[in-house]
Amino acid sequence: MGESKRRKEILGDEYGKEKKTILPGIPVTKQQSRQFMTWTTRGAWIGIGTLAFTWIMIRFIGPAFGWWTTN
């Protein structure tokens, strides 16, 4: 008997269903943790893009405008 069949016999109706929580004391499901990781990863990339855009604006475009106003 394979491990999968043995597990299916032990779990019965609960076999193949998602566990309610990751850990007993933490009320977060696996699906919620996946969604959290997706959103935080997306937010991090948006932050990196914003930082790069701001740096380009300050470093290259900002001085060009400052030079025109002083002459």
PDB file of N, CA and C in Angstrom:
ATOM      1  N   MET A   1       0.849  -1.179   0.000  1.00  0.00           N
ATOM      2  CA  MET A   1       0.000   0.000   0.000  1.00  0.00           C
ATOM      3  C   MET A   1       0.891   1.238   0.000  1.00  0.00           C
ATOM      4  N   GLY A   2       0.556   2.165  -0.847  1.00  0.00           N
ATOM      5  CA  GLY A   2       1.344   3.382  -0.950  1.00  0.00           C
ATOM      6  C   GLY A   2       0.996   4.380   0.142  1.00  0.00           C
ATOM      7  N   GLU A   3       1.877   5.356   0.292  1.00  0.00           N
ATOM      8  CA  GLU A   3       1.690   6.385   1.324  1.00  0.00           C
ATOM      9  C   GLU A   3       0.400   7.169   1.102  1.00  0.00           C
ATOM     10  N   SER A   4       0.085   7.471  -0.142  1.00  0.00           N
ATOM     11  CA  SER A   4      -1.125   8.245  -0.446  1.00  0.00           C
ATOM     12  C   SER A   4      -2.383   7.484  -0.025  1.00  0.00           C
ATOM     13  N   LYS A   5      -2.436   6.210  -0.320  1.00  0.00           N
ATOM     14  CA  LYS A   5      -3.606   5.410   0.064  1.00  0.00           C
ATOM     15  C   LYS A   5      -3.711   5.300   1.581  1.00  0.00           C
ATOM     16  N   ARG A   6      -2.588   5.132   2.239  1.00  0.00           N
ATOM     17  CA  ARG A   6      -2.580   5.040   3.702  1.00  0.00           C
ATOM     18  C   ARG A   6      -3.085   6.349   4.312  1.00  0.00           C
ATOM     19  N   ARG A   7      -2.629   7.462   3.781  1.00  0.00           N
ATOM     20  CA  ARG A   7      -3.061   8.767   4.266  1.00  0.00           C
ATOM     21  C   ARG A   7      -4.558   8.960   4.022  1.00  0.00           C
ATOM     22  N   LYS A   8      -5.030   8.487   2.867  1.00  0.00           N
ATOM     23  CA  LYS A   8      -6.446   8.620   2.539  1.00  0.00           C
ATOM     24  C   LYS A   8      -7.301   7.800   3.515  1.00  0.00           C
ATOM     25  N   GLU A   9      -6.841   6.626   3.886  1.00  0.00           N
ATOM     26  CA  GLU A   9      -7.578   5.810   4.856  1.00  0.00           C
ATOM     27  C   GLU A   9      -7.612   6.474   6.227  1.00  0.00           C
ATOM     28  N   ILE A  10      -6.489   7.078   6.629  1.00  0.00           N
ATOM     29  CA  ILE A  10      -6.413   7.700   7.951  1.00  0.00           C
ATOM     30  C   ILE A  10      -7.278   8.958   8.016  1.00  0.00           C
ATOM     31  N   LEU A  11      -7.211   9.807   6.984  1.00  0.00           N
ATOM     32  CA  LEU A  11      -7.931  11.074   7.008  1.00  0.00           C
ATOM     33  C   LEU A  11      -9.412  10.927   6.663  1.00  0.00           C
ATOM     34  N   GLY A  12      -9.767   9.938   5.887  1.00  0.00           N
ATOM     35  CA  GLY A  12     -11.166   9.722   5.529  1.00  0.00           C
ATOM     36  C   GLY A  12     -11.715  10.866   4.692  1.00  0.00           C
ATOM     37  N   ASP A  13     -12.794  11.500   5.165  1.00  0.00           N
ATOM     38  CA  ASP A  13     -13.443  12.582   4.411  1.00  0.00           C
ATOM     39  C   ASP A  13     -12.588  13.842   4.315  1.00  0.00           C
ATOM     40  N   GLU A  14     -11.644  14.004   5.220  1.00  0.00           N
ATOM     41  CA  GLU A  14     -10.798  15.198   5.224  1.00  0.00           C
ATOM     42  C   GLU A  14      -9.666  15.131   4.193  1.00  0.00           C
ATOM     43  N   TYR A  15      -9.507  13.988   3.526  1.00  0.00           N
ATOM     44  CA  TYR A  15      -8.431  13.812   2.552  1.00  0.00           C
ATOM     45  C   TYR A  15      -8.620  14.751   1.367  1.00  0.00           C
ATOM     46  N   GLY A  16      -7.595  15.486   1.018  1.00  0.00           N
ATOM     47  CA  GLY A  16      -7.623  16.379  -0.123  1.00  0.00           C
ATOM     48  C   GLY A  16      -8.182  17.755   0.167  1.00  0.00           C
ATOM     49  N   LYS A  17      -8.705  17.963   1.338  1.00  0.00           N
ATOM     50  CA  LYS A  17      -9.235  19.275   1.700  1.00  0.00           C
ATOM     51  C   LYS A  17      -8.143  20.108   2.340  1.00  0.00           C
ATOM     52  N   GLU A  18      -8.281  21.406   2.196  1.00  0.00           N
ATOM     53  CA  GLU A  18      -7.295  22.316   2.778  1.00  0.00           C
ATOM     54  C   GLU A  18      -7.458  22.364   4.291  1.00  0.00           C
ATOM     55  N   LYS A  19      -6.328  22.386   4.981  1.00  0.00           N
ATOM     56  CA  LYS A  19      -6.384  22.538   6.432  1.00  0.00           C
ATOM     57  C   LYS A  19      -6.942  23.908   6.766  1.00  0.00           C
ATOM     58  N   LYS A  20      -7.558  24.004   7.908  1.00  0.00           N
ATOM     59  CA  LYS A  20      -8.158  25.280   8.282  1.00  0.00           C
ATOM     60  C   LYS A  20      -7.105  26.336   8.593  1.00  0.00           C
ATOM     61  N   THR A  21      -6.037  25.976   9.259  1.00  0.00           N
ATOM     62  CA  THR A  21      -5.000  26.945   9.615  1.00  0.00           C
ATOM     63  C   THR A  21      -3.622  26.373   9.345  1.00  0.00           C
ATOM     64  N   ILE A  22      -2.641  27.274   9.303  1.00  0.00           N
ATOM     65  CA  ILE A  22      -1.255  26.840   9.110  1.00  0.00           C
ATOM     66  C   ILE A  22      -0.734  26.210  10.389  1.00  0.00           C
ATOM     67  N   LEU A  23      -0.880  26.931  11.479  1.00  0.00           N
ATOM     68  CA  LEU A  23      -0.496  26.453  12.797  1.00  0.00           C
ATOM     69  C   LEU A  23      -1.707  26.523  13.712  1.00  0.00           C
ATOM     70  N   PRO A  24      -1.756  25.693  14.740  1.00  0.00           N
ATOM     71  CA  PRO A  24      -2.937  25.690  15.606  1.00  0.00           C
ATOM     72  C   PRO A  24      -3.252  27.039  16.257  1.00  0.00           C
ATOM     73  N   GLY A  25      -2.277  27.820  16.642  1.00  0.00           N
ATOM     74  CA  GLY A  25      -2.527  29.081  17.328  1.00  0.00           C
ATOM     75  C   GLY A  25      -2.694  30.280  16.416  1.00  0.00           C
ATOM     76  N   ILE A  26      -2.455  30.105  15.108  1.00  0.00           N
ATOM     77  CA  ILE A  26      -2.497  31.236  14.171  1.00  0.00           C
ATOM     78  C   ILE A  26      -3.687  31.043  13.223  1.00  0.00           C
ATOM     79  N   PRO A  27      -4.660  31.948  13.240  1.00  0.00           N
ATOM     80  CA  PRO A  27      -5.853  31.784  12.402  1.00  0.00           C
ATOM     81  C   PRO A  27      -5.651  32.237  10.954  1.00  0.00           C
ATOM     82  N   VAL A  28      -4.651  31.672  10.269  1.00  0.00           N
ATOM     83  CA  VAL A  28      -4.355  32.022   8.881  1.00  0.00           C
ATOM     84  C   VAL A  28      -4.320  30.729   8.066  1.00  0.00           C
ATOM     85  N   THR A  29      -5.101  30.693   6.993  1.00  0.00           N
ATOM     86  CA  THR A  29      -5.105  29.501   6.143  1.00  0.00           C
ATOM     87  C   THR A  29      -3.964  29.581   5.132  1.00  0.00           C
ATOM     88  N   LYS A  30      -3.709  28.474   4.478  1.00  0.00           N
ATOM     89  CA  LYS A  30      -2.653  28.446   3.465  1.00  0.00           C
ATOM     90  C   LYS A  30      -2.999  29.379   2.307  1.00  0.00           C
ATOM     91  N   GLN A  31      -4.269  29.421   1.917  1.00  0.00           N
ATOM     92  CA  GLN A  31      -4.689  30.294   0.820  1.00  0.00           C
ATOM     93  C   GLN A  31      -4.475  31.761   1.201  1.00  0.00           C
ATOM     94  N   GLN A  32      -4.788  32.128   2.430  1.00  0.00           N
ATOM     95  CA  GLN A  32      -4.569  33.507   2.878  1.00  0.00           C
ATOM     96  C   GLN A  32      -3.091  33.852   2.886  1.00  0.00           C
ATOM     97  N   SER A  33      -2.240  32.907   3.272  1.00  0.00           N
ATOM     98  CA  SER A  33      -0.798  33.181   3.274  1.00  0.00           C
ATOM     99  C   SER A  33      -0.276  33.342   1.849  1.00  0.00           C
ATOM    100  N   ARG A  34      -0.822  32.572   0.896  1.00  0.00           N
ATOM    101  CA  ARG A  34      -0.427  32.736  -0.507  1.00  0.00           C
ATOM    102  C   ARG A  34      -0.841  34.109  -1.038  1.00  0.00           C
ATOM    103  N   GLN A  35      -2.057  34.530  -0.698  1.00  0.00           N
ATOM    104  CA  GLN A  35      -2.526  35.848  -1.123  1.00  0.00           C
ATOM    105  C   GLN A  35      -1.672  36.951  -0.518  1.00  0.00           C
ATOM    106  N   PHE A  36      -1.310  36.801   0.748  1.00  0.00           N
ATOM    107  CA  PHE A  36      -0.462  37.788   1.415  1.00  0.00           C
ATOM    108  C   PHE A  36       0.887  37.890   0.717  1.00  0.00           C
ATOM    109  N   MET A  37       1.475  36.762   0.375  1.00  0.00           N
ATOM    110  CA  MET A  37       2.763  36.767  -0.317  1.00  0.00           C
ATOM    111  C   MET A  37       2.637  37.409  -1.704  1.00  0.00           C
ATOM    112  N   THR A  38       1.546  37.144  -2.406  1.00  0.00           N
ATOM    113  CA  THR A  38       1.335  37.744  -3.728  1.00  0.00           C
ATOM    114  C   THR A  38       1.250  39.259  -3.619  1.00  0.00           C
ATOM    115  N   TRP A  39       0.438  39.756  -2.681  1.00  0.00           N
ATOM    116  CA  TRP A  39       0.259  41.208  -2.530  1.00  0.00           C
ATOM    117  C   TRP A  39       1.534  41.896  -2.067  1.00  0.00           C
ATOM    118  N   THR A  40       2.250  41.288  -1.117  1.00  0.00           N
ATOM    119  CA  THR A  40       3.471  41.928  -0.629  1.00  0.00           C
ATOM    120  C   THR A  40       4.560  41.929  -1.696  1.00  0.00           C
ATOM    121  N   THR A  41       4.638  40.877  -2.499  1.00  0.00           N
ATOM    122  CA  THR A  41       5.612  40.839  -3.589  1.00  0.00           C
ATOM    123  C   THR A  41       5.286  41.910  -4.621  1.00  0.00           C
ATOM    124  N   ARG A  42       4.012  42.022  -4.968  1.00  0.00           N
ATOM    125  CA  ARG A  42       3.589  43.050  -5.926  1.00  0.00           C
ATOM    126  C   ARG A  42       3.884  44.449  -5.368  1.00  0.00           C
ATOM    127  N   GLY A  43       3.593  44.658  -4.093  1.00  0.00           N
ATOM    128  CA  GLY A  43       3.864  45.945  -3.471  1.00  0.00           C
ATOM    129  C   GLY A  43       5.346  46.281  -3.437  1.00  0.00           C
ATOM    130  N   ALA A  44       6.169  45.263  -3.198  1.00  0.00           N
ATOM    131  CA  ALA A  44       7.616  45.490  -3.188  1.00  0.00           C
ATOM    132  C   ALA A  44       8.107  45.916  -4.570  1.00  0.00           C
ATOM    133  N   TRP A  45       7.618  45.271  -5.627  1.00  0.00           N
ATOM    134  CA  TRP A  45       8.034  45.652  -6.977  1.00  0.00           C
ATOM    135  C   TRP A  45       7.550  47.046  -7.346  1.00  0.00           C
ATOM    136  N   ILE A  46       6.361  47.397  -6.901  1.00  0.00           N
ATOM    137  CA  ILE A  46       5.869  48.759  -7.147  1.00  0.00           C
ATOM    138  C   ILE A  46       6.761  49.762  -6.422  1.00  0.00           C
ATOM    139  N   GLY A  47       7.166  49.440  -5.201  1.00  0.00           N
ATOM    140  CA  GLY A  47       8.070  50.315  -4.458  1.00  0.00           C
ATOM    141  C   GLY A  47       9.420  50.457  -5.126  1.00  0.00           C
ATOM    142  N   ILE A  48       9.957  49.368  -5.638  1.00  0.00           N
ATOM    143  CA  ILE A  48      11.245  49.415  -6.335  1.00  0.00           C
ATOM    144  C   ILE A  48      11.134  50.279  -7.589  1.00  0.00           C
ATOM    145  N   GLY A  49      10.046  50.103  -8.340  1.00  0.00           N
ATOM    146  CA  GLY A  49       9.839  50.909  -9.546  1.00  0.00           C
ATOM    147  C   GLY A  49       9.694  52.388  -9.221  1.00  0.00           C
ATOM    148  N   THR A  50       8.964  52.699  -8.155  1.00  0.00           N
ATOM    149  CA  THR A  50       8.797  54.086  -7.740  1.00  0.00           C
ATOM    150  C   THR A  50      10.125  54.693  -7.308  1.00  0.00           C
ATOM    151  N   LEU A  51      10.913  53.927  -6.581  1.00  0.00           N
ATOM    152  CA  LEU A  51      12.225  54.398  -6.149  1.00  0.00           C
ATOM    153  C   LEU A  51      13.124  54.691  -7.358  1.00  0.00           C
ATOM    154  N   ALA A  52      13.133  53.782  -8.344  1.00  0.00           N
ATOM    155  CA  ALA A  52      13.961  53.985  -9.536  1.00  0.00           C
ATOM    156  C   ALA A  52      13.494  55.210 -10.325  1.00  0.00           C
ATOM    157  N   PHE A  53      12.178  55.363 -10.485  1.00  0.00           N
ATOM    158  CA  PHE A  53      11.638  56.507 -11.199  1.00  0.00           C
ATOM    159  C   PHE A  53      11.983  57.817 -10.487  1.00  0.00           C
ATOM    160  N   THR A  54      11.836  57.827  -9.166  1.00  0.00           N
ATOM    161  CA  THR A  54      12.160  59.028  -8.388  1.00  0.00           C
ATOM    162  C   THR A  54      13.643  59.361  -8.497  1.00  0.00           C
ATOM    163  N   TRP A  55      14.489  58.357  -8.441  1.00  0.00           N
ATOM    164  CA  TRP A  55      15.934  58.582  -8.542  1.00  0.00           C
ATOM    165  C   TRP A  55      16.282  59.186  -9.911  1.00  0.00           C
ATOM    166  N   ILE A  56      15.676  58.650 -10.966  1.00  0.00           N
ATOM    167  CA  ILE A  56      15.939  59.187 -12.308  1.00  0.00           C
ATOM    168  C   ILE A  56      15.476  60.633 -12.393  1.00  0.00           C
ATOM    169  N   MET A  57      14.303  60.922 -11.856  1.00  0.00           N
ATOM    170  CA  MET A  57      13.784  62.290 -11.889  1.00  0.00           C
ATOM    171  C   MET A  57      14.723  63.248 -11.151  1.00  0.00           C
ATOM    172  N   ILE A  58      15.148  62.873  -9.959  1.00  0.00           N
ATOM    173  CA  ILE A  58      16.000  63.758  -9.159  1.00  0.00           C
ATOM    174  C   ILE A  58      17.398  63.871  -9.750  1.00  0.00           C
ATOM    175  N   ARG A  59      17.951  62.750 -10.203  1.00  0.00           N
ATOM    176  CA  ARG A  59      19.343  62.722 -10.656  1.00  0.00           C
ATOM    177  C   ARG A  59      19.543  63.368 -12.013  1.00  0.00           C
ATOM    178  N   PHE A  60      18.664  63.117 -12.965  1.00  0.00           N
ATOM    179  CA  PHE A  60      18.885  63.575 -14.334  1.00  0.00           C
ATOM    180  C   PHE A  60      17.994  64.742 -14.754  1.00  0.00           C
ATOM    181  N   ILE A  61      16.710  64.645 -14.472  1.00  0.00           N
ATOM    182  CA  ILE A  61      15.790  65.667 -14.952  1.00  0.00           C
ATOM    183  C   ILE A  61      15.814  66.906 -14.058  1.00  0.00           C
ATOM    184  N   GLY A  62      15.927  66.724 -12.768  1.00  0.00           N
ATOM    185  CA  GLY A  62      15.950  67.849 -11.826  1.00  0.00           C
ATOM    186  C   GLY A  62      17.062  68.844 -12.093  1.00  0.00           C
ATOM    187  N   PRO A  63      18.301  68.420 -12.222  1.00  0.00           N
ATOM    188  CA  PRO A  63      19.385  69.366 -12.507  1.00  0.00           C
ATOM    189  C   PRO A  63      19.221  70.103 -13.840  1.00  0.00           C
ATOM    190  N   ALA A  64      18.626  69.469 -14.814  1.00  0.00           N
ATOM    191  CA  ALA A  64      18.417  70.140 -16.104  1.00  0.00           C
ATOM    192  C   ALA A  64      17.489  71.329 -15.940  1.00  0.00           C
ATOM    193  N   PHE A  65      16.442  71.203 -15.178  1.00  0.00           N
ATOM    194  CA  PHE A  65      15.534  72.313 -14.929  1.00  0.00           C
ATOM    195  C   PHE A  65      16.198  73.387 -14.056  1.00  0.00           C
ATOM    196  N   GLY A  66      17.022  72.981 -13.132  1.00  0.00           N
ATOM    197  CA  GLY A  66      17.714  73.945 -12.285  1.00  0.00           C
ATOM    198  C   GLY A  66      18.719  74.783 -13.057  1.00  0.00           C
ATOM    199  N   TRP A  67      19.357  74.209 -14.054  1.00  0.00           N
ATOM    200  CA  TRP A  67      20.329  74.932 -14.861  1.00  0.00           C
ATOM    201  C   TRP A  67      19.658  76.006 -15.695  1.00  0.00           C
ATOM    202  N   TRP A  68      18.460  75.718 -16.230  1.00  0.00           N
ATOM    203  CA  TRP A  68      17.758  76.688 -17.053  1.00  0.00           C
ATOM    204  C   TRP A  68      17.288  77.890 -16.240  1.00  0.00           C
ATOM    205  N   THR A  69      16.950  77.690 -14.998  1.00  0.00           N
ATOM    206  CA  THR A  69      16.389  78.795 -14.215  1.00  0.00           C
ATOM    207  C   THR A  69      17.464  79.716 -13.682  1.00  0.00           C
ATOM    208  N   THR A  70      18.707  79.253 -13.567  1.00  0.00           N
ATOM    209  CA  THR A  70      19.765  80.095 -13.017  1.00  0.00           C
ATOM    210  C   THR A  70      20.413  80.980 -14.067  1.00  0.00           C
ATOM    211  N   ASN A  71      20.299  80.662 -15.336  1.00  0.00           N
ATOM    212  CA  ASN A  71      20.954  81.454 -16.392  1.00  0.00           C
ATOM    213  C   ASN A  71      20.091  82.558 -16.899  1.00  0.00           C
TER     214      ASN A  71
END
